[in-house]
Amino acid sequence: MAELLQLQQAQHPGQGLTVSFSAGITELAVDEDIDLAIDRADRAMYRAKVSGHRRCELG
């Protein structure tokens, strides 16, 4: 997703749009409660934001 946003921005220079993207990514186990996976991804996203712009963290 981040690479796609950067590509779109590069194809339209001078449009006055600046995008930075941070994300938390996790994997949902077969028998896992979705709320636990969402909590992991959420914590990973906050780690990414605290670590700086344009980061992806695994949770």
PDB file of N, CA and C in Angstrom:
ATOM      1  N   MET A   1       0.830  -1.180   0.000  1.00  0.00           N
ATOM      2  CA  MET A   1       0.000   0.000   0.000  1.00  0.00           C
ATOM      3  C   MET A   1       0.876   1.246   0.000  1.00  0.00           C
ATOM      4  N   ALA A   2       1.899   1.269   0.851  1.00  0.00           N
ATOM      5  CA  ALA A   2       2.771   2.437   0.924  1.00  0.00           C
ATOM      6  C   ALA A   2       3.465   2.678  -0.408  1.00  0.00           C
ATOM      7  N   GLU A   3       3.922   1.606  -1.041  1.00  0.00           N
ATOM      8  CA  GLU A   3       4.600   1.751  -2.336  1.00  0.00           C
ATOM      9  C   GLU A   3       3.635   2.288  -3.390  1.00  0.00           C
ATOM     10  N   LEU A   4       2.398   1.859  -3.366  1.00  0.00           N
ATOM     11  CA  LEU A   4       1.399   2.350  -4.312  1.00  0.00           C
ATOM     12  C   LEU A   4       1.146   3.841  -4.121  1.00  0.00           C
ATOM     13  N   LEU A   5       1.039   4.284  -2.868  1.00  0.00           N
ATOM     14  CA  LEU A   5       0.840   5.713  -2.601  1.00  0.00           C
ATOM     15  C   LEU A   5       2.031   6.536  -3.070  1.00  0.00           C
ATOM     16  N   GLN A   6       3.239   6.029  -2.831  1.00  0.00           N
ATOM     17  CA  GLN A   6       4.430   6.745  -3.277  1.00  0.00           C
ATOM     18  C   GLN A   6       4.480   6.817  -4.796  1.00  0.00           C
ATOM     19  N   LEU A   7       4.115   5.755  -5.479  1.00  0.00           N
ATOM     20  CA  LEU A   7       4.091   5.737  -6.941  1.00  0.00           C
ATOM     21  C   LEU A   7       3.086   6.753  -7.473  1.00  0.00           C
ATOM     22  N   GLN A   8       1.907   6.794  -6.885  1.00  0.00           N
ATOM     23  CA  GLN A   8       0.891   7.756  -7.318  1.00  0.00           C
ATOM     24  C   GLN A   8       1.380   9.188  -7.131  1.00  0.00           C
ATOM     25  N   GLN A   9       2.045   9.450  -6.014  1.00  0.00           N
ATOM     26  CA  GLN A   9       2.562  10.790  -5.754  1.00  0.00           C
ATOM     27  C   GLN A   9       3.653  11.144  -6.765  1.00  0.00           C
ATOM     28  N   ALA A  10       4.515  10.191  -7.099  1.00  0.00           N
ATOM     29  CA  ALA A  10       5.600  10.440  -8.054  1.00  0.00           C
ATOM     30  C   ALA A  10       5.054  10.719  -9.455  1.00  0.00           C
ATOM     31  N   GLN A  11       3.915  10.133  -9.804  1.00  0.00           N
ATOM     32  CA  GLN A  11       3.333  10.332 -11.128  1.00  0.00           C
ATOM     33  C   GLN A  11       2.618  11.671 -11.258  1.00  0.00           C
ATOM     34  N   HIS A  12       2.399  12.354 -10.125  1.00  0.00           N
ATOM     35  CA  HIS A  12       1.693  13.636 -10.142  1.00  0.00           C
ATOM     36  C   HIS A  12       2.466  14.677  -9.337  1.00  0.00           C
ATOM     37  N   PRO A  13       3.692  15.007  -9.749  1.00  0.00           N
ATOM     38  CA  PRO A  13       4.488  15.966  -8.983  1.00  0.00           C
ATOM     39  C   PRO A  13       3.868  17.364  -9.007  1.00  0.00           C
ATOM     40  N   GLY A  14       4.127  18.109  -7.952  1.00  0.00           N
ATOM     41  CA  GLY A  14       3.657  19.483  -7.891  1.00  0.00           C
ATOM     42  C   GLY A  14       2.179  19.635  -7.585  1.00  0.00           C
ATOM     43  N   GLN A  15       1.513  18.580  -7.205  1.00  0.00           N
ATOM     44  CA  GLN A  15       0.080  18.630  -6.911  1.00  0.00           C
ATOM     45  C   GLN A  15      -0.202  19.100  -5.476  1.00  0.00           C
ATOM     46  N   GLY A  16       0.869  19.312  -4.685  1.00  0.00           N
ATOM     47  CA  GLY A  16       0.679  19.799  -3.326  1.00  0.00           C
ATOM     48  C   GLY A  16       0.210  18.739  -2.346  1.00  0.00           C
ATOM     49  N   LEU A  17       0.411  17.493  -2.668  1.00  0.00           N
ATOM     50  CA  LEU A  17      -0.027  16.403  -1.807  1.00  0.00           C
ATOM     51  C   LEU A  17       1.191  15.688  -1.245  1.00  0.00           C
ATOM     52  N   THR A  18       1.263  15.620   0.080  1.00  0.00           N
ATOM     53  CA  THR A  18       2.333  14.883   0.745  1.00  0.00           C
ATOM     54  C   THR A  18       1.694  13.759   1.549  1.00  0.00           C
ATOM     55  N   VAL A  19       2.183  12.552   1.356  1.00  0.00           N
ATOM     56  CA  VAL A  19       1.612  11.387   2.024  1.00  0.00           C
ATOM     57  C   VAL A  19       2.717  10.637   2.747  1.00  0.00           C
ATOM     58  N   SER A  20       2.473  10.303   3.991  1.00  0.00           N
ATOM     59  CA  SER A  20       3.325   9.352   4.695  1.00  0.00           C
ATOM     60  C   SER A  20       2.397   8.275   5.258  1.00  0.00           C
ATOM     61  N   PHE A  21       2.926   7.079   5.378  1.00  0.00           N
ATOM     62  CA  PHE A  21       2.082   5.938   5.696  1.00  0.00           C
ATOM     63  C   PHE A  21       2.803   5.054   6.699  1.00  0.00           C
ATOM     64  N   SER A  22       2.176   4.780   7.825  1.00  0.00           N
ATOM     65  CA  SER A  22       2.678   3.830   8.808  1.00  0.00           C
ATOM     66  C   SER A  22       1.588   2.797   9.043  1.00  0.00           C
ATOM     67  N   ALA A  23       1.997   1.542   9.271  1.00  0.00           N
ATOM     68  CA  ALA A  23       1.001   0.479   9.415  1.00  0.00           C
ATOM     69  C   ALA A  23       1.456  -0.549  10.433  1.00  0.00           C
ATOM     70  N   GLY A  24       0.472  -1.190  11.028  1.00  0.00           N
ATOM     71  CA  GLY A  24       0.702  -2.357  11.877  1.00  0.00           C
ATOM     72  C   GLY A  24       0.098  -3.557  11.188  1.00  0.00           C
ATOM     73  N   ILE A  25       0.880  -4.613  11.074  1.00  0.00           N
ATOM     74  CA  ILE A  25       0.453  -5.795  10.332  1.00  0.00           C
ATOM     75  C   ILE A  25       0.540  -7.014  11.241  1.00  0.00           C
ATOM     76  N   THR A  26      -0.458  -7.871  11.170  1.00  0.00           N
ATOM     77  CA  THR A  26      -0.438  -9.103  11.951  1.00  0.00           C
ATOM     78  C   THR A  26      -1.101 -10.224  11.160  1.00  0.00           C
ATOM     79  N   GLU A  27      -0.989 -11.413  11.682  1.00  0.00           N
ATOM     80  CA  GLU A  27      -1.595 -12.585  11.049  1.00  0.00           C
ATOM     81  C   GLU A  27      -2.646 -13.155  11.997  1.00  0.00           C
ATOM     82  N   LEU A  28      -3.768 -13.541  11.446  1.00  0.00           N
ATOM     83  CA  LEU A  28      -4.851 -14.130  12.227  1.00  0.00           C
ATOM     84  C   LEU A  28      -4.714 -15.648  12.180  1.00  0.00           C
ATOM     85  N   ALA A  29      -4.533 -16.255  13.357  1.00  0.00           N
ATOM     86  CA  ALA A  29      -4.456 -17.720  13.437  1.00  0.00           C
ATOM     87  C   ALA A  29      -5.845 -18.311  13.208  1.00  0.00           C
ATOM     88  N   VAL A  30      -5.889 -19.557  12.805  1.00  0.00           N
ATOM     89  CA  VAL A  30      -7.155 -20.215  12.440  1.00  0.00           C
ATOM     90  C   VAL A  30      -8.186 -20.140  13.555  1.00  0.00           C
ATOM     91  N   ASP A  31      -7.820 -20.465  14.773  1.00  0.00           N
ATOM     92  CA  ASP A  31      -8.783 -20.510  15.886  1.00  0.00           C
ATOM     93  C   ASP A  31      -8.690 -19.289  16.800  1.00  0.00           C
ATOM     94  N   GLU A  32      -8.096 -18.215  16.315  1.00  0.00           N
ATOM     95  CA  GLU A  32      -7.876 -17.043  17.150  1.00  0.00           C
ATOM     96  C   GLU A  32      -9.063 -16.087  17.119  1.00  0.00           C
ATOM     97  N   ASP A  33      -9.318 -15.469  18.251  1.00  0.00           N
ATOM     98  CA  ASP A  33     -10.340 -14.422  18.348  1.00  0.00           C
ATOM     99  C   ASP A  33      -9.863 -13.206  17.558  1.00  0.00           C
ATOM    100  N   ILE A  34     -10.697 -12.687  16.680  1.00  0.00           N
ATOM    101  CA  ILE A  34     -10.319 -11.560  15.824  1.00  0.00           C
ATOM    102  C   ILE A  34      -9.930 -10.334  16.647  1.00  0.00           C
ATOM    103  N   ASP A  35     -10.559 -10.153  17.812  1.00  0.00           N
ATOM    104  CA  ASP A  35     -10.243  -8.994  18.647  1.00  0.00           C
ATOM    105  C   ASP A  35      -8.785  -9.016  19.115  1.00  0.00           C
ATOM    106  N   LEU A  36      -8.240 -10.198  19.363  1.00  0.00           N
ATOM    107  CA  LEU A  36      -6.832 -10.303  19.762  1.00  0.00           C
ATOM    108  C   LEU A  36      -5.914  -9.899  18.616  1.00  0.00           C
ATOM    109  N   ALA A  37      -6.249 -10.329  17.406  1.00  0.00           N
ATOM    110  CA  ALA A  37      -5.438  -9.969  16.239  1.00  0.00           C
ATOM    111  C   ALA A  37      -5.518  -8.469  15.965  1.00  0.00           C
ATOM    112  N   ILE A  38      -6.693  -7.891  16.097  1.00  0.00           N
ATOM    113  CA  ILE A  38      -6.854  -6.449  15.892  1.00  0.00           C
ATOM    114  C   ILE A  38      -6.044  -5.679  16.937  1.00  0.00           C
ATOM    115  N   ASP A  39      -6.062  -6.142  18.178  1.00  0.00           N
ATOM    116  CA  ASP A  39      -5.278  -5.491  19.230  1.00  0.00           C
ATOM    117  C   ASP A  39      -3.785  -5.551  18.908  1.00  0.00           C
ATOM    118  N   ARG A  40      -3.300  -6.687  18.421  1.00  0.00           N
ATOM    119  CA  ARG A  40      -1.886  -6.815  18.034  1.00  0.00           C
ATOM    120  C   ARG A  40      -1.530  -5.862  16.906  1.00  0.00           C
ATOM    121  N   ALA A  41      -2.390  -5.814  15.893  1.00  0.00           N
ATOM    122  CA  ALA A  41      -2.143  -4.913  14.760  1.00  0.00           C
ATOM    123  C   ALA A  41      -2.175  -3.454  15.204  1.00  0.00           C
ATOM    124  N   ASP A  42      -3.077  -3.129  16.102  1.00  0.00           N
ATOM    125  CA  ASP A  42      -3.184  -1.763  16.612  1.00  0.00           C
ATOM    126  C   ASP A  42      -1.922  -1.368  17.375  1.00  0.00           C
ATOM    127  N   ARG A  43      -1.427  -2.263  18.242  1.00  0.00           N
ATOM    128  CA  ARG A  43      -0.197  -1.962  18.982  1.00  0.00           C
ATOM    129  C   ARG A  43       0.987  -1.829  18.031  1.00  0.00           C
ATOM    130  N   ALA A  44       1.027  -2.664  16.993  1.00  0.00           N
ATOM    131  CA  ALA A  44       2.110  -2.576  16.004  1.00  0.00           C
ATOM    132  C   ALA A  44       2.041  -1.248  15.246  1.00  0.00           C
ATOM    133  N   MET A  45       0.823  -0.791  14.932  1.00  0.00           N
ATOM    134  CA  MET A  45       0.673   0.484  14.234  1.00  0.00           C
ATOM    135  C   MET A  45       1.198   1.634  15.086  1.00  0.00           C
ATOM    136  N   TYR A  46       0.891   1.628  16.384  1.00  0.00           N
ATOM    137  CA  TYR A  46       1.394   2.689  17.250  1.00  0.00           C
ATOM    138  C   TYR A  46       2.912   2.632  17.379  1.00  0.00           C
ATOM    139  N   ARG A  47       3.497   1.423  17.411  1.00  0.00           N
ATOM    140  CA  ARG A  47       4.963   1.312  17.409  1.00  0.00           C
ATOM    141  C   ARG A  47       5.533   1.927  16.140  1.00  0.00           C
ATOM    142  N   ALA A  48       4.887   1.676  15.010  1.00  0.00           N
ATOM    143  CA  ALA A  48       5.349   2.237  13.734  1.00  0.00           C
ATOM    144  C   ALA A  48       5.281   3.756  13.760  1.00  0.00           C
ATOM    145  N   LYS A  49       4.195   4.304  14.278  1.00  0.00           N
ATOM    146  CA  LYS A  49       4.045   5.760  14.321  1.00  0.00           C
ATOM    147  C   LYS A  49       5.075   6.403  15.236  1.00  0.00           C
ATOM    148  N   VAL A  50       5.362   5.773  16.375  1.00  0.00           N
ATOM    149  CA  VAL A  50       6.338   6.310  17.317  1.00  0.00           C
ATOM    150  C   VAL A  50       7.746   6.228  16.736  1.00  0.00           C
ATOM    151  N   SER A  51       8.002   5.211  15.924  1.00  0.00           N
ATOM    152  CA  SER A  51       9.334   4.995  15.349  1.00  0.00           C
ATOM    153  C   SER A  51       9.645   5.951  14.208  1.00  0.00           C
ATOM    154  N   GLY A  52       8.655   6.608  13.663  1.00  0.00           N
ATOM    155  CA  GLY A  52       8.887   7.560  12.584  1.00  0.00           C
ATOM    156  C   GLY A  52       7.957   7.320  11.401  1.00  0.00           C
ATOM    157  N   HIS A  53       8.057   8.189  10.420  1.00  0.00           N
ATOM    158  CA  HIS A  53       7.189   8.095   9.245  1.00  0.00           C
ATOM    159  C   HIS A  53       7.609   6.937   8.346  1.00  0.00           C
ATOM    160  N   ARG A  54       6.652   6.496   7.553  1.00  0.00           N
ATOM    161  CA  ARG A  54       6.891   5.477   6.515  1.00  0.00           C
ATOM    162  C   ARG A  54       7.445   4.180   7.083  1.00  0.00           C
ATOM    163  N   ARG A  55       6.740   3.638   8.069  1.00  0.00           N
ATOM    164  CA  ARG A  55       7.178   2.385   8.682  1.00  0.00           C
ATOM    165  C   ARG A  55       6.033   1.400   8.734  1.00  0.00           C
ATOM    166  N   CYS A  56       6.382   0.132   8.668  1.00  0.00           N
ATOM    167  CA  CYS A  56       5.456  -0.967   8.903  1.00  0.00           C
ATOM    168  C   CYS A  56       6.054  -1.826  10.002  1.00  0.00           C
ATOM    169  N   GLU A  57       5.239  -2.184  10.969  1.00  0.00           N
ATOM    170  CA  GLU A  57       5.664  -3.028  12.092  1.00  0.00           C
ATOM    171  C   GLU A  57       4.797  -4.272  12.128  1.00  0.00           C
ATOM    172  N   LEU A  58       5.417  -5.389  12.461  1.00  0.00           N
ATOM    173  CA  LEU A  58       4.681  -6.633  12.611  1.00  0.00           C
ATOM    174  C   LEU A  58       4.237  -6.794  14.048  1.00  0.00           C
ATOM    175  N   GLY A  59       3.020  -7.301  14.216  1.00  0.00           N
ATOM    176  CA  GLY A  59       2.499  -7.501  15.559  1.00  0.00           C
ATOM    177  C   GLY A  59       2.150  -8.923  15.825  1.00  0.00           C
TER     178      GLY A  59
END
